[in-house]
mmCIF file of all heavy atoms, coordinates in Angstrom:
data_MODEL
# 
_entry.id   MODEL 
# 
loop_
_atom_site.group_PDB 
_atom_site.id 
_atom_site.type_symbol 
_atom_site.label_atom_id 
_atom_site.label_alt_id 
_atom_site.label_comp_id 
_atom_site.label_asym_id 
_atom_site.label_entity_id 
_atom_site.label_seq_id 
_atom_site.pdbx_PDB_ins_code 
_atom_site.Cartn_x 
_atom_site.Cartn_y 
_atom_site.Cartn_z 
_atom_site.occupancy 
_atom_site.B_iso_or_equiv 
_atom_site.pdbx_formal_charge 
_atom_site.auth_seq_id 
_atom_site.auth_comp_id 
_atom_site.auth_asym_id 
_atom_site.auth_atom_id 
_atom_site.pdbx_PDB_model_num 
ATOM 1   N N   . PHE A 1 1  ? -23.866 47.599 10.929 1.00 0.00 ? 1  PHE A N   1 
ATOM 2   C CA  . PHE A 1 1  ? -25.058 47.603 10.054 1.00 0.00 ? 1  PHE A CA  1 
ATOM 3   C C   . PHE A 1 1  ? -25.533 49.158 9.832  1.00 0.00 ? 1  PHE A C   1 
ATOM 4   O O   . PHE A 1 1  ? -25.130 49.900 10.532 1.00 0.00 ? 1  PHE A O   1 
ATOM 5   C CB  . PHE A 1 1  ? -26.066 46.740 10.684 1.00 0.00 ? 1  PHE A CB  1 
ATOM 6   C CG  . PHE A 1 1  ? -26.642 47.261 12.056 1.00 0.00 ? 1  PHE A CG  1 
ATOM 7   C CD1 . PHE A 1 1  ? -27.573 48.401 12.116 1.00 0.00 ? 1  PHE A CD1 1 
ATOM 8   C CD2 . PHE A 1 1  ? -26.222 46.694 13.261 1.00 0.00 ? 1  PHE A CD2 1 
ATOM 9   C CE1 . PHE A 1 1  ? -28.033 48.858 13.283 1.00 0.00 ? 1  PHE A CE1 1 
ATOM 10  C CE2 . PHE A 1 1  ? -26.723 47.132 14.568 1.00 0.00 ? 1  PHE A CE2 1 
ATOM 11  C CZ  . PHE A 1 1  ? -27.662 48.199 14.533 1.00 0.00 ? 1  PHE A CZ  1 
ATOM 12  N N   . CYS A 1 2  ? -26.465 49.202 8.912  1.00 0.00 ? 2  CYS A N   1 
ATOM 13  C CA  . CYS A 1 2  ? -27.147 50.462 8.703  1.00 0.00 ? 2  CYS A CA  1 
ATOM 14  C C   . CYS A 1 2  ? -28.669 50.203 8.904  1.00 0.00 ? 2  CYS A C   1 
ATOM 15  O O   . CYS A 1 2  ? -29.092 49.259 8.298  1.00 0.00 ? 2  CYS A O   1 
ATOM 16  C CB  . CYS A 1 2  ? -26.847 51.091 7.331  1.00 0.00 ? 2  CYS A CB  1 
ATOM 17  S SG  . CYS A 1 2  ? -27.910 52.488 6.993  1.00 0.00 ? 2  CYS A SG  1 
ATOM 18  N N   . SER A 1 3  ? -29.276 51.066 9.663  1.00 0.00 ? 3  SER A N   1 
ATOM 19  C CA  . SER A 1 3  ? -30.722 50.745 9.903  1.00 0.00 ? 3  SER A CA  1 
ATOM 20  C C   . SER A 1 3  ? -31.523 51.971 9.360  1.00 0.00 ? 3  SER A C   1 
ATOM 21  O O   . SER A 1 3  ? -31.384 53.107 9.926  1.00 0.00 ? 3  SER A O   1 
ATOM 22  C CB  . SER A 1 3  ? -30.987 50.595 11.437 1.00 0.00 ? 3  SER A CB  1 
ATOM 23  O OG  . SER A 1 3  ? -32.276 50.484 11.761 1.00 0.00 ? 3  SER A OG  1 
ATOM 24  N N   . THR A 1 4  ? -32.332 51.688 8.404  1.00 0.00 ? 4  THR A N   1 
ATOM 25  C CA  . THR A 1 4  ? -33.202 52.607 7.791  1.00 0.00 ? 4  THR A CA  1 
ATOM 26  C C   . THR A 1 4  ? -34.622 52.449 8.449  1.00 0.00 ? 4  THR A C   1 
ATOM 27  O O   . THR A 1 4  ? -35.192 51.405 8.229  1.00 0.00 ? 4  THR A O   1 
ATOM 28  C CB  . THR A 1 4  ? -33.328 52.577 6.330  1.00 0.00 ? 4  THR A CB  1 
ATOM 29  O OG1 . THR A 1 4  ? -31.985 52.962 5.777  1.00 0.00 ? 4  THR A OG1 1 
ATOM 30  C CG2 . THR A 1 4  ? -34.283 53.510 5.718  1.00 0.00 ? 4  THR A CG2 1 
ATOM 31  N N   . LEU A 1 5  ? -35.168 53.458 9.107  1.00 0.00 ? 5  LEU A N   1 
ATOM 32  C CA  . LEU A 1 5  ? -36.370 53.170 9.865  1.00 0.00 ? 5  LEU A CA  1 
ATOM 33  C C   . LEU A 1 5  ? -37.532 53.805 9.093  1.00 0.00 ? 5  LEU A C   1 
ATOM 34  O O   . LEU A 1 5  ? -38.636 53.282 8.991  1.00 0.00 ? 5  LEU A O   1 
ATOM 35  C CB  . LEU A 1 5  ? -36.341 53.915 11.280 1.00 0.00 ? 5  LEU A CB  1 
ATOM 36  C CG  . LEU A 1 5  ? -35.156 53.265 12.169 1.00 0.00 ? 5  LEU A CG  1 
ATOM 37  C CD1 . LEU A 1 5  ? -35.062 54.052 13.455 1.00 0.00 ? 5  LEU A CD1 1 
ATOM 38  C CD2 . LEU A 1 5  ? -35.452 51.730 12.401 1.00 0.00 ? 5  LEU A CD2 1 
ATOM 39  N N   . SER A 1 6  ? -37.341 54.971 8.475  1.00 0.00 ? 6  SER A N   1 
ATOM 40  C CA  . SER A 1 6  ? -38.384 55.751 7.818  1.00 0.00 ? 6  SER A CA  1 
ATOM 41  C C   . SER A 1 6  ? -37.763 56.779 6.870  1.00 0.00 ? 6  SER A C   1 
ATOM 42  O O   . SER A 1 6  ? -36.671 57.288 7.187  1.00 0.00 ? 6  SER A O   1 
ATOM 43  C CB  . SER A 1 6  ? -39.405 56.308 8.853  1.00 0.00 ? 6  SER A CB  1 
ATOM 44  O OG  . SER A 1 6  ? -39.619 57.616 8.416  1.00 0.00 ? 6  SER A OG  1 
ATOM 45  N N   . PRO A 1 7  ? -38.422 57.181 5.783  1.00 0.00 ? 7  PRO A N   1 
ATOM 46  C CA  . PRO A 1 7  ? -37.869 58.231 4.876  1.00 0.00 ? 7  PRO A CA  1 
ATOM 47  C C   . PRO A 1 7  ? -37.667 59.567 5.618  1.00 0.00 ? 7  PRO A C   1 
ATOM 48  O O   . PRO A 1 7  ? -36.870 60.368 5.270  1.00 0.00 ? 7  PRO A O   1 
ATOM 49  C CB  . PRO A 1 7  ? -38.844 58.349 3.796  1.00 0.00 ? 7  PRO A CB  1 
ATOM 50  C CG  . PRO A 1 7  ? -39.833 57.200 3.941  1.00 0.00 ? 7  PRO A CG  1 
ATOM 51  C CD  . PRO A 1 7  ? -39.753 56.712 5.342  1.00 0.00 ? 7  PRO A CD  1 
ATOM 52  N N   . LYS A 1 8  ? -38.472 59.719 6.703  1.00 0.00 ? 8  LYS A N   1 
ATOM 53  C CA  . LYS A 1 8  ? -38.373 61.017 7.454  1.00 0.00 ? 8  LYS A CA  1 
ATOM 54  C C   . LYS A 1 8  ? -37.173 61.049 8.476  1.00 0.00 ? 8  LYS A C   1 
ATOM 55  O O   . LYS A 1 8  ? -37.017 62.065 9.080  1.00 0.00 ? 8  LYS A O   1 
ATOM 56  C CB  . LYS A 1 8  ? -39.648 61.266 8.182  1.00 0.00 ? 8  LYS A CB  1 
ATOM 57  C CG  . LYS A 1 8  ? -40.811 61.467 7.216  1.00 0.00 ? 8  LYS A CG  1 
ATOM 58  C CD  . LYS A 1 8  ? -42.196 61.472 7.948  1.00 0.00 ? 8  LYS A CD  1 
ATOM 59  C CE  . LYS A 1 8  ? -43.418 61.614 6.947  1.00 0.00 ? 8  LYS A CE  1 
ATOM 60  N NZ  . LYS A 1 8  ? -44.578 61.418 7.541  1.00 0.00 ? 8  LYS A NZ  1 
ATOM 61  N N   . ILE A 1 9  ? -36.601 59.960 8.559  1.00 0.00 ? 9  ILE A N   1 
ATOM 62  C CA  . ILE A 1 9  ? -35.527 59.915 9.701  1.00 0.00 ? 9  ILE A CA  1 
ATOM 63  C C   . ILE A 1 9  ? -34.211 59.463 9.002  1.00 0.00 ? 9  ILE A C   1 
ATOM 64  O O   . ILE A 1 9  ? -34.147 58.499 8.327  1.00 0.00 ? 9  ILE A O   1 
ATOM 65  C CB  . ILE A 1 9  ? -35.866 58.912 10.886 1.00 0.00 ? 9  ILE A CB  1 
ATOM 66  C CG1 . ILE A 1 9  ? -37.222 59.243 11.565 1.00 0.00 ? 9  ILE A CG1 1 
ATOM 67  C CG2 . ILE A 1 9  ? -34.673 58.665 11.809 1.00 0.00 ? 9  ILE A CG2 1 
ATOM 68  C CD1 . ILE A 1 9  ? -37.781 58.112 12.272 1.00 0.00 ? 9  ILE A CD1 1 
ATOM 69  N N   . THR A 1 10 ? -33.153 60.220 9.281  1.00 0.00 ? 10 THR A N   1 
ATOM 70  C CA  . THR A 1 10 ? -31.810 59.908 8.841  1.00 0.00 ? 10 THR A CA  1 
ATOM 71  C C   . THR A 1 10 ? -31.457 58.475 9.339  1.00 0.00 ? 10 THR A C   1 
ATOM 72  O O   . THR A 1 10 ? -31.624 58.262 10.531 1.00 0.00 ? 10 THR A O   1 
ATOM 73  C CB  . THR A 1 10 ? -30.820 60.926 9.272  1.00 0.00 ? 10 THR A CB  1 
ATOM 74  O OG1 . THR A 1 10 ? -31.216 62.284 8.699  1.00 0.00 ? 10 THR A OG1 1 
ATOM 75  C CG2 . THR A 1 10 ? -29.360 60.636 8.884  1.00 0.00 ? 10 THR A CG2 1 
ATOM 76  N N   . PRO A 1 11 ? -30.884 57.634 8.436  1.00 0.00 ? 11 PRO A N   1 
ATOM 77  C CA  . PRO A 1 11 ? -30.534 56.254 8.955  1.00 0.00 ? 11 PRO A CA  1 
ATOM 78  C C   . PRO A 1 11 ? -29.483 56.238 10.102 1.00 0.00 ? 11 PRO A C   1 
ATOM 79  O O   . PRO A 1 11 ? -28.786 57.280 10.307 1.00 0.00 ? 11 PRO A O   1 
ATOM 80  C CB  . PRO A 1 11 ? -29.868 55.553 7.700  1.00 0.00 ? 11 PRO A CB  1 
ATOM 81  C CG  . PRO A 1 11 ? -30.432 56.446 6.581  1.00 0.00 ? 11 PRO A CG  1 
ATOM 82  C CD  . PRO A 1 11 ? -30.610 57.884 6.985  1.00 0.00 ? 11 PRO A CD  1 
ATOM 83  N N   . TYR A 1 12 ? -29.572 55.203 10.785 1.00 0.00 ? 12 TYR A N   1 
ATOM 84  C CA  . TYR A 1 12 ? -28.570 55.052 11.953 1.00 0.00 ? 12 TYR A CA  1 
ATOM 85  C C   . TYR A 1 12 ? -27.522 53.998 11.491 1.00 0.00 ? 12 TYR A C   1 
ATOM 86  O O   . TYR A 1 12 ? -27.801 52.974 10.895 1.00 0.00 ? 12 TYR A O   1 
ATOM 87  C CB  . TYR A 1 12 ? -29.308 54.410 13.243 1.00 0.00 ? 12 TYR A CB  1 
ATOM 88  C CG  . TYR A 1 12 ? -30.107 55.541 13.865 1.00 0.00 ? 12 TYR A CG  1 
ATOM 89  C CD1 . TYR A 1 12 ? -31.384 55.842 13.505 1.00 0.00 ? 12 TYR A CD1 1 
ATOM 90  C CD2 . TYR A 1 12 ? -29.577 56.336 14.935 1.00 0.00 ? 12 TYR A CD2 1 
ATOM 91  C CE1 . TYR A 1 12 ? -32.210 56.822 14.173 1.00 0.00 ? 12 TYR A CE1 1 
ATOM 92  C CE2 . TYR A 1 12 ? -30.240 57.223 15.602 1.00 0.00 ? 12 TYR A CE2 1 
ATOM 93  C CZ  . TYR A 1 12 ? -31.551 57.525 15.221 1.00 0.00 ? 12 TYR A CZ  1 
ATOM 94  O OH  . TYR A 1 12 ? -32.256 58.569 15.853 1.00 0.00 ? 12 TYR A OH  1 
ATOM 95  N N   . VAL A 1 13 ? -26.283 54.291 11.908 1.00 0.00 ? 13 VAL A N   1 
ATOM 96  C CA  . VAL A 1 13 ? -25.154 53.376 11.481 1.00 0.00 ? 13 VAL A CA  1 
ATOM 97  C C   . VAL A 1 13 ? -24.377 52.852 12.667 1.00 0.00 ? 13 VAL A C   1 
ATOM 98  O O   . VAL A 1 13 ? -24.111 53.711 13.450 1.00 0.00 ? 13 VAL A O   1 
ATOM 99  C CB  . VAL A 1 13 ? -24.217 54.090 10.394 1.00 0.00 ? 13 VAL A CB  1 
ATOM 100 C CG1 . VAL A 1 13 ? -22.965 53.317 10.228 1.00 0.00 ? 13 VAL A CG1 1 
ATOM 101 C CG2 . VAL A 1 13 ? -24.960 54.298 9.103  1.00 0.00 ? 13 VAL A CG2 1 
ATOM 102 N N   . LEU A 1 14 ? -24.064 51.551 12.715 1.00 0.00 ? 14 LEU A N   1 
ATOM 103 C CA  . LEU A 1 14 ? -23.358 51.030 13.709 1.00 0.00 ? 14 LEU A CA  1 
ATOM 104 C C   . LEU A 1 14 ? -22.119 50.378 13.135 1.00 0.00 ? 14 LEU A C   1 
ATOM 105 O O   . LEU A 1 14 ? -22.096 49.666 12.213 1.00 0.00 ? 14 LEU A O   1 
ATOM 106 C CB  . LEU A 1 14 ? -24.059 49.968 14.583 1.00 0.00 ? 14 LEU A CB  1 
ATOM 107 C CG  . LEU A 1 14 ? -23.347 49.304 15.691 1.00 0.00 ? 14 LEU A CG  1 
ATOM 108 C CD1 . LEU A 1 14 ? -24.294 49.110 16.938 1.00 0.00 ? 14 LEU A CD1 1 
ATOM 109 C CD2 . LEU A 1 14 ? -22.763 47.884 15.272 1.00 0.00 ? 14 LEU A CD2 1 
ATOM 110 N N   . VAL A 1 15 ? -20.932 50.800 13.735 1.00 0.00 ? 15 VAL A N   1 
ATOM 111 C CA  . VAL A 1 15 ? -19.648 50.128 13.368 1.00 0.00 ? 15 VAL A CA  1 
ATOM 112 C C   . VAL A 1 15 ? -18.723 49.892 14.594 1.00 0.00 ? 15 VAL A C   1 
ATOM 113 O O   . VAL A 1 15 ? -19.113 50.579 15.611 1.00 0.00 ? 15 VAL A O   1 
ATOM 114 C CB  . VAL A 1 15 ? -18.811 51.067 12.309 1.00 0.00 ? 15 VAL A CB  1 
ATOM 115 C CG1 . VAL A 1 15 ? -19.475 51.035 10.928 1.00 0.00 ? 15 VAL A CG1 1 
ATOM 116 C CG2 . VAL A 1 15 ? -18.565 52.473 12.874 1.00 0.00 ? 15 VAL A CG2 1 
ATOM 117 N N   . ASN A 1 16 ? -17.761 49.002 14.543 1.00 0.00 ? 16 ASN A N   1 
ATOM 118 C CA  . ASN A 1 16 ? -16.853 48.823 15.572 1.00 0.00 ? 16 ASN A CA  1 
ATOM 119 C C   . ASN A 1 16 ? -15.565 49.124 15.042 1.00 0.00 ? 16 ASN A C   1 
ATOM 120 O O   . ASN A 1 16 ? -14.858 48.385 14.418 1.00 0.00 ? 16 ASN A O   1 
ATOM 121 C CB  . ASN A 1 16 ? -16.992 47.389 16.143 1.00 0.00 ? 16 ASN A CB  1 
ATOM 122 C CG  . ASN A 1 16 ? -18.216 47.212 16.950 1.00 0.00 ? 16 ASN A CG  1 
ATOM 123 O OD1 . ASN A 1 16 ? -18.236 47.477 18.172 1.00 0.00 ? 16 ASN A OD1 1 
ATOM 124 N ND2 . ASN A 1 16 ? -19.198 46.614 16.382 1.00 0.00 ? 16 ASN A ND2 1 
ATOM 125 N N   . PHE A 1 17 ? -15.053 50.368 15.187 1.00 0.00 ? 17 PHE A N   1 
ATOM 126 C CA  . PHE A 1 17 ? -13.890 50.924 14.506 1.00 0.00 ? 17 PHE A CA  1 
ATOM 127 C C   . PHE A 1 17 ? -12.573 50.665 15.303 1.00 0.00 ? 17 PHE A C   1 
ATOM 128 O O   . PHE A 1 17 ? -12.418 51.106 16.412 1.00 0.00 ? 17 PHE A O   1 
ATOM 129 C CB  . PHE A 1 17 ? -14.038 52.381 14.276 1.00 0.00 ? 17 PHE A CB  1 
ATOM 130 C CG  . PHE A 1 17 ? -13.005 52.986 13.341 1.00 0.00 ? 17 PHE A CG  1 
ATOM 131 C CD1 . PHE A 1 17 ? -13.314 52.890 11.994 1.00 0.00 ? 17 PHE A CD1 1 
ATOM 132 C CD2 . PHE A 1 17 ? -11.869 53.490 13.863 1.00 0.00 ? 17 PHE A CD2 1 
ATOM 133 C CE1 . PHE A 1 17 ? -12.381 53.467 11.148 1.00 0.00 ? 17 PHE A CE1 1 
ATOM 134 C CE2 . PHE A 1 17 ? -10.871 53.962 12.885 1.00 0.00 ? 17 PHE A CE2 1 
ATOM 135 C CZ  . PHE A 1 17 ? -11.084 53.991 11.495 1.00 0.00 ? 17 PHE A CZ  1 
ATOM 136 N N   . THR A 1 18 ? -11.680 49.913 14.723 1.00 0.00 ? 18 THR A N   1 
ATOM 137 C CA  . THR A 1 18 ? -10.418 49.525 15.390 1.00 0.00 ? 18 THR A CA  1 
ATOM 138 C C   . THR A 1 18 ? -9.254  50.126 14.768 1.00 0.00 ? 18 THR A C   1 
ATOM 139 O O   . THR A 1 18 ? -8.077  50.052 15.155 1.00 0.00 ? 18 THR A O   1 
ATOM 140 C CB  . THR A 1 18 ? -10.157 48.093 15.380 1.00 0.00 ? 18 THR A CB  1 
ATOM 141 O OG1 . THR A 1 18 ? -9.997  47.499 14.104 1.00 0.00 ? 18 THR A OG1 1 
ATOM 142 C CG2 . THR A 1 18 ? -11.334 47.240 16.092 1.00 0.00 ? 18 THR A CG2 1 
ATOM 143 N N   . GLY A 1 19 ? -9.444  50.846 13.534 1.00 0.00 ? 19 GLY A N   1 
ATOM 144 C CA  . GLY A 1 19 ? -8.338  51.492 12.838 1.00 0.00 ? 19 GLY A CA  1 
ATOM 145 C C   . GLY A 1 19 ? -7.707  50.752 11.666 1.00 0.00 ? 19 GLY A C   1 
ATOM 146 O O   . GLY A 1 19 ? -6.753  51.216 11.112 1.00 0.00 ? 19 GLY A O   1 
ATOM 147 N N   . LYS A 1 20 ? -8.189  49.516 11.451 1.00 0.00 ? 20 LYS A N   1 
ATOM 148 C CA  . LYS A 1 20 ? -7.627  48.771 10.313 1.00 0.00 ? 20 LYS A CA  1 
ATOM 149 C C   . LYS A 1 20 ? -8.199  49.268 9.012  1.00 0.00 ? 20 LYS A C   1 
ATOM 150 O O   . LYS A 1 20 ? -9.390  49.817 8.936  1.00 0.00 ? 20 LYS A O   1 
ATOM 151 C CB  . LYS A 1 20 ? -8.005  47.206 10.461 1.00 0.00 ? 20 LYS A CB  1 
ATOM 152 C CG  . LYS A 1 20 ? -7.422  46.656 11.734 1.00 0.00 ? 20 LYS A CG  1 
ATOM 153 C CD  . LYS A 1 20 ? -5.910  46.197 11.466 1.00 0.00 ? 20 LYS A CD  1 
ATOM 154 C CE  . LYS A 1 20 ? -5.297  45.710 12.724 1.00 0.00 ? 20 LYS A CE  1 
ATOM 155 N NZ  . LYS A 1 20 ? -4.581  46.636 13.493 1.00 0.00 ? 20 LYS A NZ  1 
ATOM 156 N N   . SER A 1 21 ? -7.509  49.017 7.873  1.00 0.00 ? 21 SER A N   1 
ATOM 157 C CA  . SER A 1 21 ? -7.987  49.478 6.534  1.00 0.00 ? 21 SER A CA  1 
ATOM 158 C C   . SER A 1 21 ? -9.326  48.914 6.314  1.00 0.00 ? 21 SER A C   1 
ATOM 159 O O   . SER A 1 21 ? -10.274 49.570 5.704  1.00 0.00 ? 21 SER A O   1 
ATOM 160 C CB  . SER A 1 21 ? -7.095  49.145 5.492  1.00 0.00 ? 21 SER A CB  1 
ATOM 161 O OG  . SER A 1 21 ? -7.031  47.766 5.196  1.00 0.00 ? 21 SER A OG  1 
ATOM 162 N N   . ARG A 1 22 ? -9.556  47.647 6.801  1.00 0.00 ? 22 ARG A N   1 
ATOM 163 C CA  . ARG A 1 22 ? -10.824 46.898 6.573  1.00 0.00 ? 22 ARG A CA  1 
ATOM 164 C C   . ARG A 1 22 ? -12.025 47.733 7.326  1.00 0.00 ? 22 ARG A C   1 
ATOM 165 O O   . ARG A 1 22 ? -13.066 47.860 6.718  1.00 0.00 ? 22 ARG A O   1 
ATOM 166 C CB  . ARG A 1 22 ? -10.825 45.545 7.185  1.00 0.00 ? 22 ARG A CB  1 
ATOM 167 C CG  . ARG A 1 22 ? -11.858 44.599 6.652  1.00 0.00 ? 22 ARG A CG  1 
ATOM 168 C CD  . ARG A 1 22 ? -11.601 43.222 7.197  1.00 0.00 ? 22 ARG A CD  1 
ATOM 169 N NE  . ARG A 1 22 ? -10.673 42.359 6.369  1.00 0.00 ? 22 ARG A NE  1 
ATOM 170 C CZ  . ARG A 1 22 ? -11.173 41.651 5.238  1.00 0.00 ? 22 ARG A CZ  1 
ATOM 171 N NH1 . ARG A 1 22 ? -12.467 41.624 5.059  1.00 0.00 ? 22 ARG A NH1 1 
ATOM 172 N NH2 . ARG A 1 22 ? -10.351 40.966 4.550  1.00 0.00 ? 22 ARG A NH2 1 
ATOM 173 N N   . ASP A 1 23 ? -11.700 48.371 8.355  1.00 0.00 ? 23 ASP A N   1 
ATOM 174 C CA  . ASP A 1 23 ? -12.698 49.156 9.045  1.00 0.00 ? 23 ASP A CA  1 
ATOM 175 C C   . ASP A 1 23 ? -13.136 50.513 8.303  1.00 0.00 ? 23 ASP A C   1 
ATOM 176 O O   . ASP A 1 23 ? -14.219 50.877 8.399  1.00 0.00 ? 23 ASP A O   1 
ATOM 177 C CB  . ASP A 1 23 ? -12.213 49.688 10.452 1.00 0.00 ? 23 ASP A CB  1 
ATOM 178 C CG  . ASP A 1 23 ? -11.998 48.502 11.392 1.00 0.00 ? 23 ASP A CG  1 
ATOM 179 O OD1 . ASP A 1 23 ? -12.753 47.506 11.246 1.00 0.00 ? 23 ASP A OD1 1 
ATOM 180 O OD2 . ASP A 1 23 ? -11.058 48.583 12.369 1.00 0.00 ? 23 ASP A OD2 1 
ATOM 181 N N   . VAL A 1 24 ? -12.114 51.063 7.571  1.00 0.00 ? 24 VAL A N   1 
ATOM 182 C CA  . VAL A 1 24 ? -12.370 52.270 6.802  1.00 0.00 ? 24 VAL A CA  1 
ATOM 183 C C   . VAL A 1 24 ? -13.370 51.865 5.671  1.00 0.00 ? 24 VAL A C   1 
ATOM 184 O O   . VAL A 1 24 ? -14.397 52.475 5.373  1.00 0.00 ? 24 VAL A O   1 
ATOM 185 C CB  . VAL A 1 24 ? -11.153 52.860 6.252  1.00 0.00 ? 24 VAL A CB  1 
ATOM 186 C CG1 . VAL A 1 24 ? -11.435 54.215 5.604  1.00 0.00 ? 24 VAL A CG1 1 
ATOM 187 C CG2 . VAL A 1 24 ? -10.103 53.025 7.267  1.00 0.00 ? 24 VAL A CG2 1 
ATOM 188 N N   . PHE A 1 25 ? -13.123 50.599 5.051  1.00 0.00 ? 25 PHE A N   1 
ATOM 189 C CA  . PHE A 1 25 ? -14.032 50.223 3.996  1.00 0.00 ? 25 PHE A CA  1 
ATOM 190 C C   . PHE A 1 25 ? -15.402 49.775 4.600  1.00 0.00 ? 25 PHE A C   1 
ATOM 191 O O   . PHE A 1 25 ? -16.435 50.049 3.886  1.00 0.00 ? 25 PHE A O   1 
ATOM 192 C CB  . PHE A 1 25 ? -13.389 49.012 3.275  1.00 0.00 ? 25 PHE A CB  1 
ATOM 193 C CG  . PHE A 1 25 ? -12.455 49.434 2.234  1.00 0.00 ? 25 PHE A CG  1 
ATOM 194 C CD1 . PHE A 1 25 ? -11.078 49.499 2.607  1.00 0.00 ? 25 PHE A CD1 1 
ATOM 195 C CD2 . PHE A 1 25 ? -12.694 49.815 1.000  1.00 0.00 ? 25 PHE A CD2 1 
ATOM 196 C CE1 . PHE A 1 25 ? -10.033 49.974 1.693  1.00 0.00 ? 25 PHE A CE1 1 
ATOM 197 C CE2 . PHE A 1 25 ? -11.789 50.380 0.095  1.00 0.00 ? 25 PHE A CE2 1 
ATOM 198 C CZ  . PHE A 1 25 ? -10.462 50.350 0.472  1.00 0.00 ? 25 PHE A CZ  1 
ATOM 199 N N   . THR A 1 26 ? -15.416 49.250 5.740  1.00 0.00 ? 26 THR A N   1 
ATOM 200 C CA  . THR A 1 26 ? -16.729 48.945 6.430  1.00 0.00 ? 26 THR A CA  1 
ATOM 201 C C   . THR A 1 26 ? -17.555 50.269 6.600  1.00 0.00 ? 26 THR A C   1 
ATOM 202 O O   . THR A 1 26 ? -18.704 50.250 6.406  1.00 0.00 ? 26 THR A O   1 
ATOM 203 C CB  . THR A 1 26 ? -16.582 48.242 7.696  1.00 0.00 ? 26 THR A CB  1 
ATOM 204 O OG1 . THR A 1 26 ? -15.860 46.987 7.429  1.00 0.00 ? 26 THR A OG1 1 
ATOM 205 C CG2 . THR A 1 26 ? -17.787 47.882 8.439  1.00 0.00 ? 26 THR A CG2 1 
ATOM 206 N N   . LEU A 1 27 ? -16.825 51.266 7.104  1.00 0.00 ? 27 LEU A N   1 
ATOM 207 C CA  . LEU A 1 27 ? -17.475 52.590 7.189  1.00 0.00 ? 27 LEU A CA  1 
ATOM 208 C C   . LEU A 1 27 ? -18.105 53.074 5.955  1.00 0.00 ? 27 LEU A C   1 
ATOM 209 O O   . LEU A 1 27 ? -19.136 53.519 5.822  1.00 0.00 ? 27 LEU A O   1 
ATOM 210 C CB  . LEU A 1 27 ? -16.432 53.533 7.846  1.00 0.00 ? 27 LEU A CB  1 
ATOM 211 C CG  . LEU A 1 27 ? -16.918 54.929 8.211  1.00 0.00 ? 27 LEU A CG  1 
ATOM 212 C CD1 . LEU A 1 27 ? -17.941 54.810 9.383  1.00 0.00 ? 27 LEU A CD1 1 
ATOM 213 C CD2 . LEU A 1 27 ? -15.835 55.849 8.590  1.00 0.00 ? 27 LEU A CD2 1 
ATOM 214 N N   . ALA A 1 28 ? -17.295 52.896 4.913  1.00 0.00 ? 28 ALA A N   1 
ATOM 215 C CA  . ALA A 1 28 ? -17.789 53.428 3.503  1.00 0.00 ? 28 ALA A CA  1 
ATOM 216 C C   . ALA A 1 28 ? -18.967 52.578 3.125  1.00 0.00 ? 28 ALA A C   1 
ATOM 217 O O   . ALA A 1 28 ? -19.947 53.139 2.551  1.00 0.00 ? 28 ALA A O   1 
ATOM 218 C CB  . ALA A 1 28 ? -16.661 53.301 2.444  1.00 0.00 ? 28 ALA A CB  1 
ATOM 219 N N   . HIS A 1 29 ? -18.954 51.312 3.419  1.00 0.00 ? 29 HIS A N   1 
ATOM 220 C CA  . HIS A 1 29 ? -20.008 50.325 3.146  1.00 0.00 ? 29 HIS A CA  1 
ATOM 221 C C   . HIS A 1 29 ? -21.286 50.748 3.737  1.00 0.00 ? 29 HIS A C   1 
ATOM 222 O O   . HIS A 1 29 ? -22.355 50.926 3.058  1.00 0.00 ? 29 HIS A O   1 
ATOM 223 C CB  . HIS A 1 29 ? -19.595 48.900 3.406  1.00 0.00 ? 29 HIS A CB  1 
ATOM 224 C CG  . HIS A 1 29 ? -20.556 47.856 2.992  1.00 0.00 ? 29 HIS A CG  1 
ATOM 225 N ND1 . HIS A 1 29 ? -20.407 47.111 1.865  1.00 0.00 ? 29 HIS A ND1 1 
ATOM 226 C CD2 . HIS A 1 29 ? -21.728 47.455 3.559  1.00 0.00 ? 29 HIS A CD2 1 
ATOM 227 C CE1 . HIS A 1 29 ? -21.468 46.232 1.777  1.00 0.00 ? 29 HIS A CE1 1 
ATOM 228 N NE2 . HIS A 1 29 ? -22.261 46.405 2.880  1.00 0.00 ? 29 HIS A NE2 1 
# 
């Protein structure tokens, strides 16, 4: 997920990266 808290704070991103091509697309998403 990507969590946007406020315009003054850079968003936070959580991924569970295993190295599959699907994970690269999830990262881009």
